[in-house]
Structures are given as C-alpha cells and as structure tokens.
N, C-alpha and C. Protein backbone atom coordinates (compact mmCIF):
# COMPACT_ATOMS: atom_id res chain seq x y z
N MET A 1 40.34 6.97 -17.29
CA MET A 1 40.41 6.24 -18.42
C MET A 1 39.46 4.97 -18.35
N SER A 2 38.78 4.46 -19.40
CA SER A 2 37.92 3.58 -19.02
C SER A 2 38.45 2.00 -19.32
N LYS A 3 38.04 0.97 -18.69
CA LYS A 3 38.47 -0.31 -18.64
C LYS A 3 38.82 -0.73 -20.26
N THR A 4 37.72 -0.26 -21.00
CA THR A 4 37.77 -0.79 -22.27
C THR A 4 38.92 -0.01 -23.14
N LEU A 5 39.10 1.20 -22.79
CA LEU A 5 40.23 1.79 -23.48
C LEU A 5 41.69 1.32 -23.14
N LEU A 6 41.64 0.93 -21.63
CA LEU A 6 42.94 0.50 -21.25
C LEU A 6 43.26 -1.08 -21.77
N ILE A 7 42.45 -1.71 -21.96
CA ILE A 7 42.75 -3.09 -22.53
C ILE A 7 42.95 -2.94 -24.10
N GLY A 8 42.39 -1.99 -24.48
CA GLY A 8 42.69 -1.67 -25.94
C GLY A 8 44.21 -1.19 -26.27
N LYS A 9 44.52 -0.26 -25.38
CA LYS A 9 45.86 0.19 -25.41
C LYS A 9 46.86 -1.00 -25.19
N ARG A 10 46.59 -1.89 -24.19
CA ARG A 10 47.34 -3.00 -24.00
C ARG A 10 47.59 -3.89 -25.18
N ILE A 11 46.46 -4.16 -25.80
CA ILE A 11 46.16 -5.02 -26.85
C ILE A 11 47.26 -4.28 -28.03
N LYS A 12 47.10 -3.21 -28.12
CA LYS A 12 47.95 -2.45 -29.45
C LYS A 12 49.40 -2.59 -29.06
N ALA A 13 49.76 -2.32 -27.82
CA ALA A 13 51.23 -2.28 -27.26
C ALA A 13 51.65 -3.54 -27.51
N GLN A 14 51.05 -4.78 -27.07
CA GLN A 14 51.47 -6.16 -27.45
C GLN A 14 51.61 -6.37 -28.78
N ARG A 15 50.64 -6.02 -29.70
CA ARG A 15 50.70 -6.22 -31.03
C ARG A 15 51.73 -5.67 -31.62
N LEU A 16 52.00 -4.37 -31.21
CA LEU A 16 53.34 -3.72 -31.75
C LEU A 16 54.58 -4.40 -31.53
N LEU A 17 54.61 -4.88 -30.24
CA LEU A 17 55.85 -5.47 -29.67
C LEU A 17 56.07 -6.79 -30.39
N GLN A 18 55.00 -7.55 -30.93
CA GLN A 18 55.16 -8.63 -31.59
C GLN A 18 55.19 -8.56 -33.14
N ASN A 19 55.43 -7.30 -33.52
CA ASN A 19 55.39 -6.73 -34.88
C ASN A 19 54.40 -7.25 -35.66
N LEU A 20 53.26 -7.18 -35.20
CA LEU A 20 52.02 -7.81 -36.22
C LEU A 20 51.13 -6.50 -36.33
N SER A 21 50.73 -6.71 -37.69
CA SER A 21 49.65 -5.59 -38.17
C SER A 21 48.29 -6.24 -37.56
N ARG A 22 47.31 -5.07 -37.65
CA ARG A 22 46.10 -5.47 -37.27
C ARG A 22 45.49 -6.82 -38.11
N GLN A 23 45.76 -6.66 -39.26
CA GLN A 23 45.34 -7.67 -40.10
C GLN A 23 45.89 -9.03 -39.86
N GLN A 24 47.25 -9.13 -39.55
CA GLN A 24 48.01 -10.35 -39.16
C GLN A 24 47.15 -10.99 -37.84
N LEU A 25 47.18 -10.18 -36.79
CA LEU A 25 46.42 -10.58 -35.60
C LEU A 25 44.93 -10.93 -36.05
N ALA A 26 44.23 -10.28 -36.62
CA ALA A 26 42.80 -10.63 -37.00
C ALA A 26 42.90 -11.92 -37.72
N ASP A 27 43.76 -12.06 -38.61
CA ASP A 27 43.92 -13.50 -39.15
C ASP A 27 44.24 -14.51 -38.24
N GLN A 28 45.27 -14.39 -37.36
CA GLN A 28 45.52 -15.36 -36.34
C GLN A 28 44.16 -15.75 -35.42
N LEU A 29 43.39 -14.75 -35.02
CA LEU A 29 42.25 -14.97 -34.12
C LEU A 29 41.06 -15.48 -34.90
N GLY A 30 41.23 -15.35 -36.16
CA GLY A 30 39.86 -15.50 -37.15
C GLY A 30 38.63 -14.74 -36.97
N VAL A 31 39.19 -13.32 -36.77
CA VAL A 31 38.13 -12.18 -36.67
C VAL A 31 38.42 -11.16 -37.89
N LYS A 32 37.62 -10.31 -38.08
CA LYS A 32 37.87 -9.22 -38.99
C LYS A 32 38.80 -8.21 -38.58
N TYR A 33 39.48 -7.44 -39.36
CA TYR A 33 40.17 -6.34 -39.11
C TYR A 33 39.63 -5.30 -38.34
N GLU A 34 38.37 -5.03 -38.69
CA GLU A 34 37.66 -3.97 -37.90
C GLU A 34 37.41 -4.41 -36.26
N THR A 35 37.29 -5.77 -36.07
CA THR A 35 37.39 -6.12 -34.69
C THR A 35 38.56 -5.61 -33.95
N ILE A 36 39.58 -5.91 -34.52
CA ILE A 36 40.80 -5.56 -33.90
C ILE A 36 40.92 -3.95 -33.70
N ARG A 37 40.63 -3.30 -34.71
CA ARG A 37 40.69 -1.85 -34.77
C ARG A 37 39.67 -1.35 -33.59
N LYS A 38 38.45 -1.93 -33.52
CA LYS A 38 37.47 -1.54 -32.30
C LYS A 38 37.86 -1.81 -30.95
N TRP A 39 38.69 -2.96 -30.93
CA TRP A 39 39.33 -3.34 -29.38
C TRP A 39 40.27 -2.25 -29.09
N GLU A 40 41.15 -1.91 -30.19
CA GLU A 40 42.22 -1.21 -29.62
C GLU A 40 41.70 0.56 -29.69
N ASP A 41 40.81 0.91 -30.37
CA ASP A 41 40.45 2.12 -30.18
C ASP A 41 39.28 2.45 -29.08
N GLY A 42 39.02 1.24 -28.30
CA GLY A 42 38.14 1.20 -27.20
C GLY A 42 36.71 1.27 -27.38
N GLY A 43 36.45 0.86 -28.51
CA GLY A 43 35.04 0.53 -28.84
C GLY A 43 34.25 -0.62 -28.37
N GLY A 44 35.27 -1.47 -27.77
CA GLY A 44 34.50 -2.91 -27.26
C GLY A 44 35.66 -3.60 -26.69
N ILE A 45 35.43 -4.83 -26.16
CA ILE A 45 36.58 -5.48 -25.45
C ILE A 45 36.13 -7.04 -26.20
N PRO A 46 37.36 -7.83 -26.03
CA PRO A 46 37.12 -9.40 -26.64
C PRO A 46 36.08 -9.84 -25.74
N ARG A 47 35.53 -10.82 -26.12
CA ARG A 47 34.66 -11.80 -25.39
C ARG A 47 35.73 -12.59 -24.51
N PRO A 48 35.37 -12.86 -23.22
CA PRO A 48 36.14 -13.74 -22.55
C PRO A 48 36.65 -15.13 -23.20
N THR A 49 35.81 -15.59 -24.11
CA THR A 49 36.22 -16.99 -24.74
C THR A 49 37.48 -16.63 -25.68
N ARG A 50 37.66 -15.23 -25.96
CA ARG A 50 38.93 -15.03 -27.04
C ARG A 50 40.05 -14.79 -26.20
N TYR A 51 39.97 -14.50 -24.84
CA TYR A 51 41.37 -14.05 -24.17
C TYR A 51 42.42 -15.06 -24.23
N MET A 52 42.17 -16.25 -24.10
CA MET A 52 43.30 -17.21 -24.26
C MET A 52 44.07 -17.36 -25.62
N ASP A 53 43.24 -17.09 -26.67
CA ASP A 53 43.97 -17.15 -28.10
C ASP A 53 44.55 -15.71 -28.24
N LEU A 54 43.89 -14.72 -27.77
CA LEU A 54 44.49 -13.30 -27.76
C LEU A 54 45.82 -13.22 -27.08
N CYS A 55 45.81 -13.65 -26.00
CA CYS A 55 47.15 -13.82 -25.21
C CYS A 55 48.16 -14.55 -25.64
N SER A 56 47.84 -15.79 -26.34
CA SER A 56 48.75 -16.59 -27.09
C SER A 56 49.29 -15.86 -28.18
N ALA A 57 48.53 -15.12 -29.16
CA ALA A 57 48.85 -14.46 -30.24
C ALA A 57 49.92 -13.30 -29.89
N LEU A 58 49.64 -12.69 -28.68
CA LEU A 58 50.44 -11.45 -28.40
C LEU A 58 51.57 -11.73 -27.28
N SER A 59 51.58 -12.91 -27.00
CA SER A 59 52.69 -13.59 -26.12
C SER A 59 52.66 -12.76 -24.61
N CYS A 60 51.34 -12.69 -24.06
CA CYS A 60 51.32 -12.17 -22.80
C CYS A 60 50.23 -12.98 -21.91
N ASP A 61 50.11 -12.75 -20.77
CA ASP A 61 49.17 -13.39 -20.18
C ASP A 61 47.78 -12.53 -19.58
N GLU A 62 46.73 -13.18 -19.21
CA GLU A 62 45.48 -12.52 -19.07
C GLU A 62 45.70 -11.51 -17.97
N SER A 63 46.54 -11.68 -16.87
CA SER A 63 46.53 -10.57 -15.86
C SER A 63 46.93 -9.27 -16.55
N TYR A 64 47.94 -9.47 -17.50
CA TYR A 64 48.41 -8.11 -18.19
C TYR A 64 47.36 -7.50 -18.96
N LEU A 65 46.83 -8.32 -19.80
CA LEU A 65 45.79 -7.96 -20.75
C LEU A 65 44.66 -7.34 -20.18
N ILE A 66 44.16 -7.86 -19.31
CA ILE A 66 42.80 -7.47 -18.39
C ILE A 66 43.04 -6.43 -17.39
N LEU A 67 44.08 -6.72 -16.39
CA LEU A 67 44.37 -5.72 -15.41
C LEU A 67 45.56 -4.68 -15.61
N GLY A 68 46.47 -5.01 -16.46
CA GLY A 68 47.68 -4.40 -16.43
C GLY A 68 48.91 -4.82 -15.65
N ILE A 69 48.61 -5.86 -15.08
CA ILE A 69 49.54 -6.62 -14.01
C ILE A 69 50.72 -7.18 -14.84
N ILE A 70 52.03 -6.81 -14.67
CA ILE A 70 53.04 -7.51 -15.29
C ILE A 70 53.69 -8.39 -14.33
N ARG A 71 53.73 -9.62 -14.64
CA ARG A 71 54.48 -10.72 -13.73
C ARG A 71 55.81 -10.74 -14.20
N LYS A 72 56.70 -10.82 -13.18
CA LYS A 72 58.05 -11.19 -13.57
C LYS A 72 58.21 -12.42 -13.56
N ARG A 73 59.08 -12.86 -14.56
CA ARG A 73 59.50 -14.33 -14.75
C ARG A 73 60.51 -14.72 -13.99
N ALA A 74 60.44 -15.81 -13.40
CA ALA A 74 61.45 -16.62 -12.51
C ALA A 74 62.74 -16.76 -13.30
N SER A 75 63.82 -16.20 -12.78
CA SER A 75 65.15 -16.36 -13.42
C SER A 75 65.78 -17.87 -13.20
N ALA A 76 66.48 -18.22 -14.17
CA ALA A 76 66.79 -19.66 -14.32
C ALA A 76 67.85 -19.83 -13.45
C-alpha cells in the first residue's frame, strides 16, 4: 500500500473519530472539500505546512498521521 493511501486512511479514520464531515474539516483548514476527498482517497497528501493544523483539527500527532505510530499517553 502506498504512503499516500496510508496517510489518507489515517486522515479519514481520525476525521470519523472526531465526528467531522469532510466539509467541516475543510472549513477548519481553509481548504476545499475536494482537497480532503483527494487526501483521503490517496490522490495526494497534505503539504508539510498543513500538518500541524491538520493534526490539531484531528486531535492526533504528526507521528501518527505520517508514520502510523501511536504514542501512549502517560498515566496521571
């Protein structure tokens, strides 16, 4: 599976976990609906300058979005 498709699957999974529509995510990021669709369908990946905003909107960190690494949170 290509890196582009894997990133897209993680974007979609996180978007659904946050109960966001593609349009809602697009509005938060200031991009078009088609851009989100393209990312999720593996037709492209976000520019590196978008990763911080995307991770913030999706409540995940860059290591998960880019590499699929899930970091465990420290227990209180």
